[in-house]
């Protein structure tokens, strides 16, 4: 019941506050919350709707991206509270502002520091992804099971999200990644990128900055479909408050994760 209700909440909030403003944002409805970091009236209104309805469903703290932008201390609930909702009302705001359809609406439920359920709604494709710890991952109600990668890395497809990397490290990883078949810079939306691995369209993604509302939903989708989401030291991903450990490698299986990590780090 919970899985279906949260999926409904995201789709309904998107239909009310986000989709009507796609390619229709008025003057004054796009702001900068930090240099180069956009927020729109759609982000803020959708988060309010989602947060209110999630609390009605399960009355625990809501850690929303826009609420944390206004009060960073709210993110400490991830460490201090036994259960927390995570909300990203528009993942890929820069795409949304530019009129690009690559954006998503996302939520996760975190218990004792571990993501136990997650939801990704892609409004422009009408596609819903969800995952529940120990129970599996789904696309529109159909179970997702990711097959291992081929044993030919020269055919692998991957993404390096290197915007926040030190320039020297960025250059080194880009150079090392030439052994793979195809490398992209990504879609500027985690909610669009993670499903590419679960669906078999890519083998790996390397992220550097890992804000919890961006990565908790997709990480659970990947692990519940058979893949791996782990820090570069091999420890499983956990949704920590902003400012924690950087670097996250997501891959379709353990062997692919290990080989990709070793190649990118030059081991």
C-alpha atoms as a PDB file:
ATOM      1  CA  UNK A   1       0.000   0.000   0.000  1.00  0.00           C
ATOM      2  CA  UNK A   2       2.781   2.439   0.936  1.00  0.00           C
ATOM      3  CA  UNK A   3       4.603   1.856  -2.348  1.00  0.00           C
ATOM      4  CA  UNK A   4       1.515   2.654  -4.412  1.00  0.00           C
ATOM      5  CA  UNK A   5       0.465   5.661  -2.316  1.00  0.00           C
ATOM      6  CA  UNK A   6       3.825   7.413  -2.553  1.00  0.00           C
ATOM      7  CA  UNK A   7       3.936   6.834  -6.308  1.00  0.00           C
ATOM      8  CA  UNK A   8       0.515   8.505  -6.523  1.00  0.00           C
ATOM      9  CA  UNK A   9       1.657  11.442  -4.406  1.00  0.00           C
ATOM     10  CA  UNK A  10       4.633  12.148  -6.678  1.00  0.00           C
ATOM     11  CA  UNK A  11       2.604  11.901  -9.878  1.00  0.00           C
ATOM     12  CA  UNK A  12      -0.195  14.088  -8.523  1.00  0.00           C
ATOM     13  CA  UNK A  13       2.181  16.758  -7.170  1.00  0.00           C
ATOM     14  CA  UNK A  14       3.969  16.783 -10.509  1.00  0.00           C
ATOM     15  CA  UNK A  15       0.691  17.191 -12.387  1.00  0.00           C
ATOM     16  CA  UNK A  16      -0.359  20.036 -10.088  1.00  0.00           C
ATOM     17  CA  UNK A  17       2.823  22.062  -9.610  1.00  0.00           C
ATOM     18  CA  UNK A  18       5.484  20.956 -12.096  1.00  0.00           C
ATOM     19  CA  UNK A  19       4.111  19.890 -15.473  1.00  0.00           C
ATOM     20  CA  UNK A  20       1.909  22.968 -16.068  1.00  0.00           C
ATOM     21  CA  UNK A  21       5.048  25.126 -15.806  1.00  0.00           C
ATOM     22  CA  UNK A  22       7.203  23.083 -18.165  1.00  0.00           C
ATOM     23  CA  UNK A  23       8.241  25.489 -20.932  1.00  0.00           C
ATOM     24  CA  UNK A  24       5.864  28.013 -19.360  1.00  0.00           C
ATOM     25  CA  UNK A  25       7.860  29.564 -16.497  1.00  0.00           C
ATOM     26  CA  UNK A  26       7.063  33.241 -16.054  1.00  0.00           C
ATOM     27  CA  UNK A  27       9.471  36.038 -15.235  1.00  0.00           C
ATOM     28  CA  UNK A  28      10.431  35.822 -11.589  1.00  0.00           C
ATOM     29  CA  UNK A  29       9.653  32.093 -11.301  1.00  0.00           C
ATOM     30  CA  UNK A  30      13.316  31.063 -11.687  1.00  0.00           C
ATOM     31  CA  UNK A  31      15.817  31.995  -8.980  1.00  0.00           C
ATOM     32  CA  UNK A  32      19.361  31.161  -7.889  1.00  0.00           C
ATOM     33  CA  UNK A  33      19.616  29.628  -4.424  1.00  0.00           C
ATOM     34  CA  UNK A  34      23.410  29.552  -4.869  1.00  0.00           C
ATOM     35  CA  UNK A  35      25.636  30.651  -7.750  1.00  0.00           C
ATOM     36  CA  UNK A  36      24.765  28.443 -10.719  1.00  0.00           C
ATOM     37  CA  UNK A  37      22.199  26.455  -8.698  1.00  0.00           C
ATOM     38  CA  UNK A  38      18.684  27.152  -9.950  1.00  0.00           C
ATOM     39  CA  UNK A  39      15.370  26.748  -8.187  1.00  0.00           C
ATOM     40  CA  UNK A  40      11.897  27.457  -9.551  1.00  0.00           C
ATOM     41  CA  UNK A  41       8.466  28.037  -8.151  1.00  0.00           C
ATOM     42  CA  UNK A  42       7.663  24.509  -9.345  1.00  0.00           C
ATOM     43  CA  UNK A  43      10.394  23.016  -7.120  1.00  0.00           C
ATOM     44  CA  UNK A  44       9.150  24.876  -4.077  1.00  0.00           C
ATOM     45  CA  UNK A  45       5.439  24.279  -4.570  1.00  0.00           C
ATOM     46  CA  UNK A  46       5.875  20.596  -5.417  1.00  0.00           C
ATOM     47  CA  UNK A  47       8.025  20.034  -2.326  1.00  0.00           C
ATOM     48  CA  UNK A  48       5.400  21.587  -0.060  1.00  0.00           C
ATOM     49  CA  UNK A  49       2.679  19.362  -1.539  1.00  0.00           C
ATOM     50  CA  UNK A  50       4.786  16.192  -1.384  1.00  0.00           C
ATOM     51  CA  UNK A  51       6.062  16.857   2.142  1.00  0.00           C
ATOM     52  CA  UNK A  52       2.572  17.478   3.509  1.00  0.00           C
ATOM     53  CA  UNK A  53       1.135  14.327   1.955  1.00  0.00           C
ATOM     54  CA  UNK A  54       4.078  12.135   2.959  1.00  0.00           C
ATOM     55  CA  UNK A  55       3.741  13.267   6.578  1.00  0.00           C
ATOM     56  CA  UNK A  56       0.051  12.345   6.431  1.00  0.00           C
ATOM     57  CA  UNK A  57       1.086   8.893   5.242  1.00  0.00           C
ATOM     58  CA  UNK A  58       3.875   8.451   7.799  1.00  0.00           C
ATOM     59  CA  UNK A  59       4.458  11.276  10.329  1.00  0.00           C
ATOM     60  CA  UNK A  60       8.249  11.468  10.335  1.00  0.00           C
ATOM     61  CA  UNK A  61      10.564  14.380   9.395  1.00  0.00           C
ATOM     62  CA  UNK A  62      10.830  15.347   5.725  1.00  0.00           C
ATOM     63  CA  UNK A  63      14.274  16.292   4.413  1.00  0.00           C
ATOM     64  CA  UNK A  64      13.520  18.140   1.195  1.00  0.00           C
ATOM     65  CA  UNK A  65      16.112  19.687  -1.092  1.00  0.00           C
ATOM     66  CA  UNK A  66      14.539  23.138  -1.007  1.00  0.00           C
ATOM     67  CA  UNK A  67      13.842  23.098   2.732  1.00  0.00           C
ATOM     68  CA  UNK A  68      17.481  22.185   3.375  1.00  0.00           C
ATOM     69  CA  UNK A  69      18.609  25.013   1.083  1.00  0.00           C
ATOM     70  CA  UNK A  70      16.780  27.392   3.438  1.00  0.00           C
ATOM     71  CA  UNK A  71      17.834  25.614   6.651  1.00  0.00           C
ATOM     72  CA  UNK A  72      20.806  23.213   6.272  1.00  0.00           C
ATOM     73  CA  UNK A  73      20.373  21.888   9.811  1.00  0.00           C
ATOM     74  CA  UNK A  74      17.265  19.985   8.699  1.00  0.00           C
ATOM     75  CA  UNK A  75      19.498  17.430   6.949  1.00  0.00           C
ATOM     76  CA  UNK A  76      20.836  16.238  10.318  1.00  0.00           C
ATOM     77  CA  UNK A  77      17.587  14.313  10.726  1.00  0.00           C
ATOM     78  CA  UNK A  78      19.206  11.684   8.494  1.00  0.00           C
ATOM     79  CA  UNK A  79      21.604  10.947  11.358  1.00  0.00           C
ATOM     80  CA  UNK A  80      19.416  11.767  14.331  1.00  0.00           C
ATOM     81  CA  UNK A  81      15.952  10.410  13.519  1.00  0.00           C
ATOM     82  CA  UNK A  82      14.915   6.734  13.253  1.00  0.00           C
ATOM     83  CA  UNK A  83      12.940   7.398  10.067  1.00  0.00           C
ATOM     84  CA  UNK A  84      13.034  10.227   7.513  1.00  0.00           C
ATOM     85  CA  UNK A  85      11.442  11.042   4.182  1.00  0.00           C
ATOM     86  CA  UNK A  86      13.813  12.401   1.492  1.00  0.00           C
ATOM     87  CA  UNK A  87      12.315  14.537  -1.280  1.00  0.00           C
ATOM     88  CA  UNK A  88      13.694  15.953  -4.523  1.00  0.00           C
ATOM     89  CA  UNK A  89      10.731  17.808  -6.057  1.00  0.00           C
ATOM     90  CA  UNK A  90      12.412  18.480  -9.427  1.00  0.00           C
ATOM     91  CA  UNK A  91      15.591  16.540 -10.044  1.00  0.00           C
ATOM     92  CA  UNK A  92      17.227  18.204 -13.025  1.00  0.00           C
ATOM     93  CA  UNK A  93      16.005  21.748 -12.439  1.00  0.00           C
ATOM     94  CA  UNK A  94      18.429  23.204 -14.993  1.00  0.00           C
ATOM     95  CA  UNK A  95      16.925  20.899 -17.626  1.00  0.00           C
ATOM     96  CA  UNK A  96      13.418  21.871 -16.554  1.00  0.00           C
ATOM     97  CA  UNK A  97      14.255  25.562 -16.864  1.00  0.00           C
ATOM     98  CA  UNK A  98      15.841  25.024 -20.284  1.00  0.00           C
ATOM     99  CA  UNK A  99      12.778  23.192 -21.568  1.00  0.00           C
ATOM    100  CA  UNK A 100      14.574  19.835 -21.685  1.00  0.00           C
ATOM    101  CA  UNK A 101      12.364  16.867 -20.671  1.00  0.00           C
ATOM    102  CA  UNK A 102      15.121  15.115 -18.692  1.00  0.00           C
ATOM    103  CA  UNK A 103      13.881  15.720 -15.154  1.00  0.00           C
ATOM    104  CA  UNK A 104      12.226  13.645 -12.446  1.00  0.00           C
ATOM    105  CA  UNK A 105      10.332  13.854  -9.169  1.00  0.00           C
ATOM    106  CA  UNK A 106      11.792  11.636  -6.433  1.00  0.00           C
ATOM    107  CA  UNK A 107      11.325  10.470  -2.869  1.00  0.00           C
ATOM    108  CA  UNK A 108      12.865   7.921  -0.510  1.00  0.00           C
ATOM    109  CA  UNK A 109      12.158   6.507   2.912  1.00  0.00           C
ATOM    110  CA  UNK A 110      15.224   6.172   5.134  1.00  0.00           C
ATOM    111  CA  UNK A 111      15.256   4.113   8.345  1.00  0.00           C
ATOM    112  CA  UNK A 112      18.249   4.063  10.692  1.00  0.00           C
ATOM    113  CA  UNK A 113      20.438   5.609   8.009  1.00  0.00           C
ATOM    114  CA  UNK A 114      19.518   3.105   5.294  1.00  0.00           C
ATOM    115  CA  UNK A 115      17.230   3.638   2.306  1.00  0.00           C
ATOM    116  CA  UNK A 116      14.381   1.140   2.574  1.00  0.00           C
ATOM    117  CA  UNK A 117      12.075   2.378  -0.204  1.00  0.00           C
ATOM    118  CA  UNK A 118      12.394   4.762  -3.136  1.00  0.00           C
ATOM    119  CA  UNK A 119      10.382   6.255  -5.957  1.00  0.00           C
ATOM    120  CA  UNK A 120      11.273   8.016  -9.225  1.00  0.00           C
ATOM    121  CA  UNK A 121       8.602   9.628 -11.409  1.00  0.00           C
ATOM    122  CA  UNK A 122       9.624  10.781 -14.887  1.00  0.00           C
ATOM    123  CA  UNK A 123       6.799  13.155 -15.892  1.00  0.00           C
ATOM    124  CA  UNK A 124       7.706  13.588 -19.547  1.00  0.00           C
ATOM    125  CA  UNK A 125       7.903   9.841 -20.212  1.00  0.00           C
ATOM    126  CA  UNK A 126       5.118   8.902 -17.811  1.00  0.00           C
ATOM    127  CA  UNK A 127       7.385   6.273 -16.278  1.00  0.00           C
ATOM    128  CA  UNK A 128       7.396   5.279 -12.613  1.00  0.00           C
ATOM    129  CA  UNK A 129      10.293   3.455 -10.946  1.00  0.00           C
ATOM    130  CA  UNK A 130      10.248   2.116  -7.415  1.00  0.00           C
ATOM    131  CA  UNK A 131      12.328  -0.110  -5.178  1.00  0.00           C
ATOM    132  CA  UNK A 132      11.896  -1.681  -1.760  1.00  0.00           C
ATOM    133  CA  UNK A 133      14.752  -3.059   0.307  1.00  0.00           C
ATOM    134  CA  UNK A 134      14.806  -6.838   0.071  1.00  0.00           C
ATOM    135  CA  UNK A 135      11.787  -6.972  -2.234  1.00  0.00           C
ATOM    136  CA  UNK A 136      13.040  -5.777  -5.632  1.00  0.00           C
ATOM    137  CA  UNK A 137      12.863  -2.956  -8.147  1.00  0.00           C
ATOM    138  CA  UNK A 138      10.119  -2.115 -10.617  1.00  0.00           C
ATOM    139  CA  UNK A 139       9.274  -0.024 -13.662  1.00  0.00           C
ATOM    140  CA  UNK A 140       5.551   0.637 -13.974  1.00  0.00           C
ATOM    141  CA  UNK A 141       4.884  -2.436 -11.856  1.00  0.00           C
ATOM    142  CA  UNK A 142       7.166  -4.749 -13.848  1.00  0.00           C
ATOM    143  CA  UNK A 143      10.099  -6.326 -12.013  1.00  0.00           C
ATOM    144  CA  UNK A 144      13.560  -5.120 -13.071  1.00  0.00           C
ATOM    145  CA  UNK A 145      16.416  -7.624 -13.010  1.00  0.00           C
ATOM    146  CA  UNK A 146      19.688  -6.405 -14.460  1.00  0.00           C
ATOM    147  CA  UNK A 147      21.896  -8.924 -16.258  1.00  0.00           C
ATOM    148  CA  UNK A 148      25.676  -8.784 -15.693  1.00  0.00           C
ATOM    149  CA  UNK A 149      27.804  -6.902 -18.210  1.00  0.00           C
ATOM    150  CA  UNK A 150      29.618  -8.597 -21.041  1.00  0.00           C
ATOM    151  CA  UNK A 151      33.211  -9.583 -20.233  1.00  0.00           C
ATOM    152  CA  UNK A 152      34.410  -7.130 -22.912  1.00  0.00           C
ATOM    153  CA  UNK A 153      34.977  -3.714 -21.235  1.00  0.00           C
ATOM    154  CA  UNK A 154      35.591  -2.139 -24.632  1.00  0.00           C
ATOM    155  CA  UNK A 155      31.842  -2.541 -25.186  1.00  0.00           C
ATOM    156  CA  UNK A 156      30.751  -1.045 -21.880  1.00  0.00           C
ATOM    157  CA  UNK A 157      28.834   2.222 -21.751  1.00  0.00           C
ATOM    158  CA  UNK A 158      29.297   4.596 -18.870  1.00  0.00           C
ATOM    159  CA  UNK A 159      28.973   8.118 -17.516  1.00  0.00           C
ATOM    160  CA  UNK A 160      31.518  10.247 -15.690  1.00  0.00           C
ATOM    161  CA  UNK A 161      29.892  13.024 -13.669  1.00  0.00           C
ATOM    162  CA  UNK A 162      33.102  14.925 -13.089  1.00  0.00           C
ATOM    163  CA  UNK A 163      31.923  18.522 -12.620  1.00  0.00           C
ATOM    164  CA  UNK A 164      33.051  18.629  -8.992  1.00  0.00           C
ATOM    165  CA  UNK A 165      36.300  16.697  -9.418  1.00  0.00           C
ATOM    166  CA  UNK A 166      39.700  18.298  -9.070  1.00  0.00           C
ATOM    167  CA  UNK A 167      40.730  19.203 -12.677  1.00  0.00           C
ATOM    168  CA  UNK A 168      43.787  16.943 -12.570  1.00  0.00           C
ATOM    169  CA  UNK A 169      41.750  14.011 -11.300  1.00  0.00           C
ATOM    170  CA  UNK A 170      39.105  14.739 -13.917  1.00  0.00           C
ATOM    171  CA  UNK A 171      41.697  14.604 -16.690  1.00  0.00           C
ATOM    172  CA  UNK A 172      43.199  11.399 -15.328  1.00  0.00           C
ATOM    173  CA  UNK A 173      39.868   9.600 -15.095  1.00  0.00           C
ATOM    174  CA  UNK A 174      38.780  10.773 -18.540  1.00  0.00           C
ATOM    175  CA  UNK A 175      42.035   9.438 -19.957  1.00  0.00           C
ATOM    176  CA  UNK A 176      41.723   6.114 -18.125  1.00  0.00           C
ATOM    177  CA  UNK A 177      38.121   5.714 -19.285  1.00  0.00           C
ATOM    178  CA  UNK A 178      39.148   5.546 -22.938  1.00  0.00           C
ATOM    179  CA  UNK A 179      39.370   1.757 -22.624  1.00  0.00           C
ATOM    180  CA  UNK A 180      35.578   1.615 -22.370  1.00  0.00           C
ATOM    181  CA  UNK A 181      33.250   1.617 -25.335  1.00  0.00           C
ATOM    182  CA  UNK A 182      31.315   4.848 -24.836  1.00  0.00           C
ATOM    183  CA  UNK A 183      31.515   7.547 -22.153  1.00  0.00           C
ATOM    184  CA  UNK A 184      29.001  10.367 -21.695  1.00  0.00           C
ATOM    185  CA  UNK A 185      28.744  13.391 -19.396  1.00  0.00           C
ATOM    186  CA  UNK A 186      25.277  12.324 -18.262  1.00  0.00           C
ATOM    187  CA  UNK A 187      21.791  13.795 -18.466  1.00  0.00           C
ATOM    188  CA  UNK A 188      22.064  16.314 -15.579  1.00  0.00           C
ATOM    189  CA  UNK A 189      19.403  14.379 -13.666  1.00  0.00           C
ATOM    190  CA  UNK A 190      20.089  11.403 -11.413  1.00  0.00           C
ATOM    191  CA  UNK A 191      16.456  10.391 -11.769  1.00  0.00           C
ATOM    192  CA  UNK A 192      16.996   9.939 -15.501  1.00  0.00           C
ATOM    193  CA  UNK A 193      20.495   8.412 -15.227  1.00  0.00           C
ATOM    194  CA  UNK A 194      20.132   5.644 -12.629  1.00  0.00           C
ATOM    195  CA  UNK A 195      17.354   3.859 -14.550  1.00  0.00           C
ATOM    196  CA  UNK A 196      19.689   3.553 -17.550  1.00  0.00           C
ATOM    197  CA  UNK A 197      21.700   0.979 -15.602  1.00  0.00           C
ATOM    198  CA  UNK A 198      18.664  -0.838 -14.219  1.00  0.00           C
ATOM    199  CA  UNK A 199      17.223  -1.027 -17.752  1.00  0.00           C
ATOM    200  CA  UNK A 200      20.446  -2.366 -19.304  1.00  0.00           C
ATOM    201  CA  UNK A 201      21.334   0.708 -21.356  1.00  0.00           C
ATOM    202  CA  UNK A 202      24.574   1.446 -19.470  1.00  0.00           C
ATOM    203  CA  UNK A 203      27.052  -0.467 -17.362  1.00  0.00           C
ATOM    204  CA  UNK A 204      28.272   2.197 -14.907  1.00  0.00           C
ATOM    205  CA  UNK A 205      28.086   5.787 -13.664  1.00  0.00           C
ATOM    206  CA  UNK A 206      30.642   7.617 -11.545  1.00  0.00           C
ATOM    207  CA  UNK A 207      29.255  10.469  -9.447  1.00  0.00           C
ATOM    208  CA  UNK A 208      31.360  12.796  -7.324  1.00  0.00           C
ATOM    209  CA  UNK A 209      29.081  15.065  -5.282  1.00  0.00           C
ATOM    210  CA  UNK A 210      26.363  12.921  -3.736  1.00  0.00           C
ATOM    211  CA  UNK A 211      23.513  14.896  -2.207  1.00  0.00           C
ATOM    212  CA  UNK A 212      21.186  12.419  -0.481  1.00  0.00           C
ATOM    213  CA  UNK A 213      17.930  13.367  -2.251  1.00  0.00           C
ATOM    214  CA  UNK A 214      19.693  12.860  -5.593  1.00  0.00           C
ATOM    215  CA  UNK A 215      21.178   9.430  -4.899  1.00  0.00           C
ATOM    216  CA  UNK A 216      19.090   7.545  -2.347  1.00  0.00           C
ATOM    217  CA  UNK A 217      16.277   6.750  -4.838  1.00  0.00           C
ATOM    218  CA  UNK A 218      18.471   5.525  -7.681  1.00  0.00           C
ATOM    219  CA  UNK A 219      20.961   3.678  -5.501  1.00  0.00           C
ATOM    220  CA  UNK A 220      18.215   1.469  -4.081  1.00  0.00           C
ATOM    221  CA  UNK A 221      16.792   0.936  -7.573  1.00  0.00           C
ATOM    222  CA  UNK A 222      20.201  -0.312  -8.701  1.00  0.00           C
ATOM    223  CA  UNK A 223      20.949  -2.605  -5.767  1.00  0.00           C
ATOM    224  CA  UNK A 224      17.454  -4.105  -5.812  1.00  0.00           C
ATOM    225  CA  UNK A 225      17.736  -4.821  -9.550  1.00  0.00           C
ATOM    226  CA  UNK A 226      21.020  -6.665  -9.016  1.00  0.00           C
ATOM    227  CA  UNK A 227      23.639  -3.926  -9.311  1.00  0.00           C
ATOM    228  CA  UNK A 228      26.045  -2.180  -6.954  1.00  0.00           C
ATOM    229  CA  UNK A 229      26.111   1.366  -5.549  1.00  0.00           C
ATOM    230  CA  UNK A 230      29.189   1.940  -3.401  1.00  0.00           C
ATOM    231  CA  UNK A 231      31.804   4.463  -2.384  1.00  0.00           C
ATOM    232  CA  UNK A 232      35.186   4.103  -4.046  1.00  0.00           C
ATOM    233  CA  UNK A 233      36.494   2.297  -0.958  1.00  0.00           C
ATOM    234  CA  UNK A 234      33.842  -0.373  -1.491  1.00  0.00           C
ATOM    235  CA  UNK A 235      31.485   0.615   1.323  1.00  0.00           C
ATOM    236  CA  UNK A 236      27.774   0.507   0.373  1.00  0.00           C
ATOM    237  CA  UNK A 237      26.068   3.831  -0.292  1.00  0.00           C
ATOM    238  CA  UNK A 238      24.162   5.373   2.606  1.00  0.00           C
ATOM    239  CA  UNK A 239      22.245   8.681   2.407  1.00  0.00           C
ATOM    240  CA  UNK A 240      24.327  11.054   4.519  1.00  0.00           C
ATOM    241  CA  UNK A 241      23.726  14.793   5.009  1.00  0.00           C
ATOM    242  CA  UNK A 242      25.430  17.118   2.491  1.00  0.00           C
ATOM    243  CA  UNK A 243      29.123  17.653   3.099  1.00  0.00           C
ATOM    244  CA  UNK A 244      29.956  14.017   3.703  1.00  0.00           C
ATOM    245  CA  UNK A 245      32.055  11.629   1.656  1.00  0.00           C
ATOM    246  CA  UNK A 246      32.448  12.305  -2.061  1.00  0.00           C
ATOM    247  CA  UNK A 247      32.598   9.763  -4.843  1.00  0.00           C
ATOM    248  CA  UNK A 248      30.038   7.097  -5.733  1.00  0.00           C
ATOM    249  CA  UNK A 249      30.372   4.386  -8.358  1.00  0.00           C
ATOM    250  CA  UNK A 250      27.233   2.652  -9.594  1.00  0.00           C
ATOM    251  CA  UNK A 251      27.472  -0.450 -11.772  1.00  0.00           C
ATOM    252  CA  UNK A 252      25.338  -3.289 -13.062  1.00  0.00           C
ATOM    253  CA  UNK A 253      27.170  -6.021 -11.124  1.00  0.00           C
ATOM    254  CA  UNK A 254      30.022  -6.508  -8.660  1.00  0.00           C
ATOM    255  CA  UNK A 255      32.660  -7.572 -11.189  1.00  0.00           C
ATOM    256  CA  UNK A 256      31.884  -4.568 -13.387  1.00  0.00           C
ATOM    257  CA  UNK A 257      32.014  -2.274 -10.357  1.00  0.00           C
ATOM    258  CA  UNK A 258      35.437  -3.562  -9.327  1.00  0.00           C
ATOM    259  CA  UNK A 259      36.948  -3.420 -12.808  1.00  0.00           C
ATOM    260  CA  UNK A 260      35.562   0.073 -13.498  1.00  0.00           C
ATOM    261  CA  UNK A 261      36.858   1.363 -10.158  1.00  0.00           C
ATOM    262  CA  UNK A 262      40.330  -0.053 -10.814  1.00  0.00           C
ATOM    263  CA  UNK A 263      40.474   1.378 -14.345  1.00  0.00           C
ATOM    264  CA  UNK A 264      39.280   4.847 -13.359  1.00  0.00           C
ATOM    265  CA  UNK A 265      41.640   5.073 -10.401  1.00  0.00           C
ATOM    266  CA  UNK A 266      44.564   3.664 -12.402  1.00  0.00           C
ATOM    267  CA  UNK A 267      45.089   0.608 -10.235  1.00  0.00           C
END
